[in-house]
Amino acid sequence: MSDNFKKEYVTPPSAGAAKEKFGNFLQSVRDHLREDYRKQYVIRKTLCSFLVFLFWIMFWVPPLGIFGFLIAVVLTWLSFVFWHYSYWNYQGGIIQNFLDGLVRYGTFWGLVKKTILQYILVYFWITLAAPAFGFFIWRKAVKHNQVLYVTNERRDIWNEN
């Protein structure tokens, strides 16, 4: 064997390095959202994550048992972590533009029910898709070094300087 192909032995990373990488990952997820955007929508995010958790429990636990429960917990945690990114992706997208332009007919209470059901289904979809869409949007934000936020045109009279 020639000298060009010498074997190099590398020690595996320690547990401390893995914890540090995981901490850096969570910090990066937080850092690519503007602080005021990160603090908004906490109640929606929590309620939607709970609904998605119940959905995953019904979907995964009967066929897989405890392993299905673990899958449900992991997917719910990912939904919770990446919810803001998925919501950012929804803002101004095809689904929002379609639903905003939708004309509804019916009685007053029928319209109220349809609107409430629409919002529940939209937030459920945002949370359900968050592990995939949110992750890809976060990767794009990291790649382009962007901090994401939602522009809110409403004036906040309590917070003006």
Protein backbone atom coordinates (compact mmCIF):
# COMPACT_ATOMS: atom_id res chain seq x y z
CA MET A 1 0.00 0.00 0.00
CA SER A 2 1.35 3.42 -0.87
CA ASP A 3 1.81 6.30 1.52
CA ASN A 4 -0.96 8.30 -0.19
CA PHE A 5 -3.67 6.05 1.26
CA LYS A 6 -2.92 6.15 4.97
CA LYS A 7 -5.85 5.50 7.25
CA GLU A 8 -6.80 8.26 9.62
CA TYR A 9 -8.77 7.39 12.71
CA VAL A 10 -11.19 9.96 14.01
CA THR A 11 -12.83 9.85 17.41
CA PRO A 12 -16.63 10.01 17.33
CA PRO A 13 -18.24 13.23 18.54
CA SER A 14 -18.98 13.39 22.23
CA ALA A 15 -22.45 13.74 23.71
CA GLY A 16 -21.65 17.35 24.57
CA ALA A 17 -21.06 18.16 20.91
CA ALA A 18 -24.43 16.67 19.96
CA LYS A 19 -26.19 18.76 22.63
CA GLU A 20 -24.37 21.85 21.40
CA LYS A 21 -25.44 21.18 17.79
CA PHE A 22 -29.06 20.66 18.89
CA GLY A 23 -28.91 23.91 20.87
CA ASN A 24 -27.48 25.71 17.83
CA PHE A 25 -30.30 24.29 15.70
CA LEU A 26 -33.00 25.59 18.05
CA GLN A 27 -31.23 28.94 18.35
CA SER A 28 -31.06 29.21 14.55
CA VAL A 29 -34.79 28.47 14.31
CA ARG A 30 -35.44 31.30 16.78
CA ASP A 31 -32.92 33.72 15.25
CA HIS A 32 -34.44 33.62 11.77
CA LEU A 33 -37.75 35.00 13.06
CA ARG A 34 -38.14 38.60 14.09
CA GLU A 35 -38.74 38.84 17.83
CA ASP A 36 -42.18 40.46 17.63
CA TYR A 37 -43.31 37.87 15.05
CA ARG A 38 -41.98 35.05 17.23
CA LYS A 39 -44.08 36.31 20.15
CA GLN A 40 -47.27 36.65 18.10
CA TYR A 41 -49.77 33.87 17.54
CA VAL A 42 -48.68 31.82 20.57
CA ILE A 43 -52.25 30.83 21.49
CA ARG A 44 -53.08 29.82 17.90
CA LYS A 45 -49.85 27.88 17.64
CA THR A 46 -50.50 26.03 20.91
CA LEU A 47 -54.15 25.19 20.17
CA CYS A 48 -53.35 24.07 16.62
CA SER A 49 -50.48 21.92 17.84
CA PHE A 50 -52.82 20.28 20.36
CA LEU A 51 -55.38 19.55 17.61
CA VAL A 52 -52.68 18.12 15.36
CA PHE A 53 -51.41 16.01 18.28
CA LEU A 54 -54.91 14.53 18.67
CA PHE A 55 -55.02 13.91 14.92
CA TRP A 56 -51.64 12.14 14.93
CA ILE A 57 -52.69 10.09 17.97
CA MET A 58 -55.81 8.88 16.14
CA PHE A 59 -53.80 8.22 12.99
CA TRP A 60 -50.64 6.53 14.34
CA VAL A 61 -51.44 4.92 17.71
CA PRO A 62 -54.01 2.27 16.71
CA PRO A 63 -51.77 0.50 14.17
CA LEU A 64 -48.39 1.07 15.86
CA GLY A 65 -49.09 1.35 19.60
CA ILE A 66 -46.42 3.11 21.68
CA PHE A 67 -44.21 3.63 18.63
CA GLY A 68 -47.11 5.49 17.02
CA PHE A 69 -47.42 7.63 20.14
CA LEU A 70 -43.73 8.55 19.88
CA ILE A 71 -44.18 9.44 16.20
CA ALA A 72 -47.15 11.64 17.16
CA VAL A 73 -45.10 13.42 19.84
CA VAL A 74 -42.16 14.05 17.49
CA LEU A 75 -44.37 15.33 14.65
CA THR A 76 -46.28 17.59 17.05
CA TRP A 77 -43.03 18.99 18.45
CA LEU A 78 -41.79 19.68 14.91
CA SER A 79 -45.11 21.35 14.09
CA PHE A 80 -44.77 23.54 17.17
CA VAL A 81 -41.16 24.50 16.37
CA PHE A 82 -41.73 25.30 12.68
CA TRP A 83 -45.28 26.73 12.96
CA HIS A 84 -44.25 30.35 12.35
CA TYR A 85 -42.35 29.40 9.20
CA SER A 86 -45.34 27.50 7.84
CA TYR A 87 -47.63 30.43 8.69
CA TRP A 88 -45.22 32.82 6.95
CA ASN A 89 -45.37 30.57 3.87
CA TYR A 90 -49.20 30.69 3.97
CA GLN A 91 -49.30 34.51 4.08
CA GLY A 92 -49.89 35.84 0.58
CA GLY A 93 -49.79 32.36 -0.92
CA ILE A 94 -52.15 30.63 -3.30
CA ILE A 95 -54.44 29.22 -0.60
CA GLN A 96 -54.83 32.55 1.19
CA ASN A 97 -55.49 34.44 -2.05
CA PHE A 98 -58.10 31.88 -3.08
CA LEU A 99 -59.86 31.94 0.29
CA ASP A 100 -59.79 35.74 0.51
CA GLY A 101 -61.45 36.01 -2.90
CA LEU A 102 -64.07 33.37 -2.14
CA VAL A 103 -67.66 34.63 -2.29
CA ARG A 104 -70.00 33.05 0.24
CA TYR A 105 -73.77 32.87 0.10
CA GLY A 106 -76.28 32.02 2.79
CA THR A 107 -77.82 33.24 5.99
CA PHE A 108 -75.90 35.32 8.50
CA TRP A 109 -75.26 32.40 10.86
CA GLY A 110 -74.44 30.14 7.93
CA LEU A 111 -71.77 32.61 6.83
CA VAL A 112 -70.40 32.83 10.37
CA LYS A 113 -70.17 29.02 10.59
CA LYS A 114 -68.48 28.78 7.18
CA THR A 115 -65.94 31.47 8.11
CA ILE A 116 -65.11 29.86 11.46
CA LEU A 117 -64.78 26.43 9.85
CA GLN A 118 -62.54 27.92 7.16
CA TYR A 119 -60.18 29.44 9.74
CA ILE A 120 -60.06 26.23 11.77
CA LEU A 121 -59.22 24.18 8.67
CA VAL A 122 -56.60 26.68 7.47
CA TYR A 123 -54.81 26.73 10.82
CA PHE A 124 -55.06 22.96 11.04
CA TRP A 125 -53.46 22.69 7.58
CA ILE A 126 -50.72 25.17 8.51
CA THR A 127 -49.86 23.16 11.62
CA LEU A 128 -50.14 19.79 9.89
CA ALA A 129 -47.79 20.90 7.09
CA ALA A 130 -45.37 22.72 9.42
CA PRO A 131 -42.83 19.88 9.83
CA ALA A 132 -42.25 19.82 6.06
CA PHE A 133 -43.02 23.32 4.78
CA GLY A 134 -41.69 25.06 7.87
CA PHE A 135 -38.41 23.15 7.72
CA PHE A 136 -37.87 24.03 4.05
CA ILE A 137 -38.70 27.70 4.62
CA TRP A 138 -36.29 27.76 7.58
CA ARG A 139 -33.54 26.21 5.41
CA LYS A 140 -34.19 28.87 2.75
CA ALA A 141 -34.00 31.60 5.41
CA VAL A 142 -30.68 30.20 6.66
CA LYS A 143 -29.32 29.91 3.11
CA HIS A 144 -30.19 33.53 2.29
CA ASN A 145 -29.51 34.79 5.84
CA GLN A 146 -32.98 36.35 6.15
CA VAL A 147 -35.06 37.12 9.22
CA LEU A 148 -38.74 36.43 8.57
CA TYR A 149 -41.68 38.52 9.76
CA VAL A 150 -45.29 39.22 8.86
CA THR A 151 -46.18 42.77 7.91
CA ASN A 152 -49.22 43.85 9.86
CA GLU A 153 -50.80 47.00 8.47
CA ARG A 154 -52.88 47.67 11.58
CA ARG A 155 -51.74 50.51 13.80
CA ASP A 156 -51.04 49.57 17.39
CA ILE A 157 -51.95 52.71 19.32
CA TRP A 158 -50.65 51.24 22.57
CA ASN A 159 -47.17 50.57 21.20
CA GLU A 160 -46.45 53.75 19.24
CA ASN A 161 -43.44 55.79 20.29
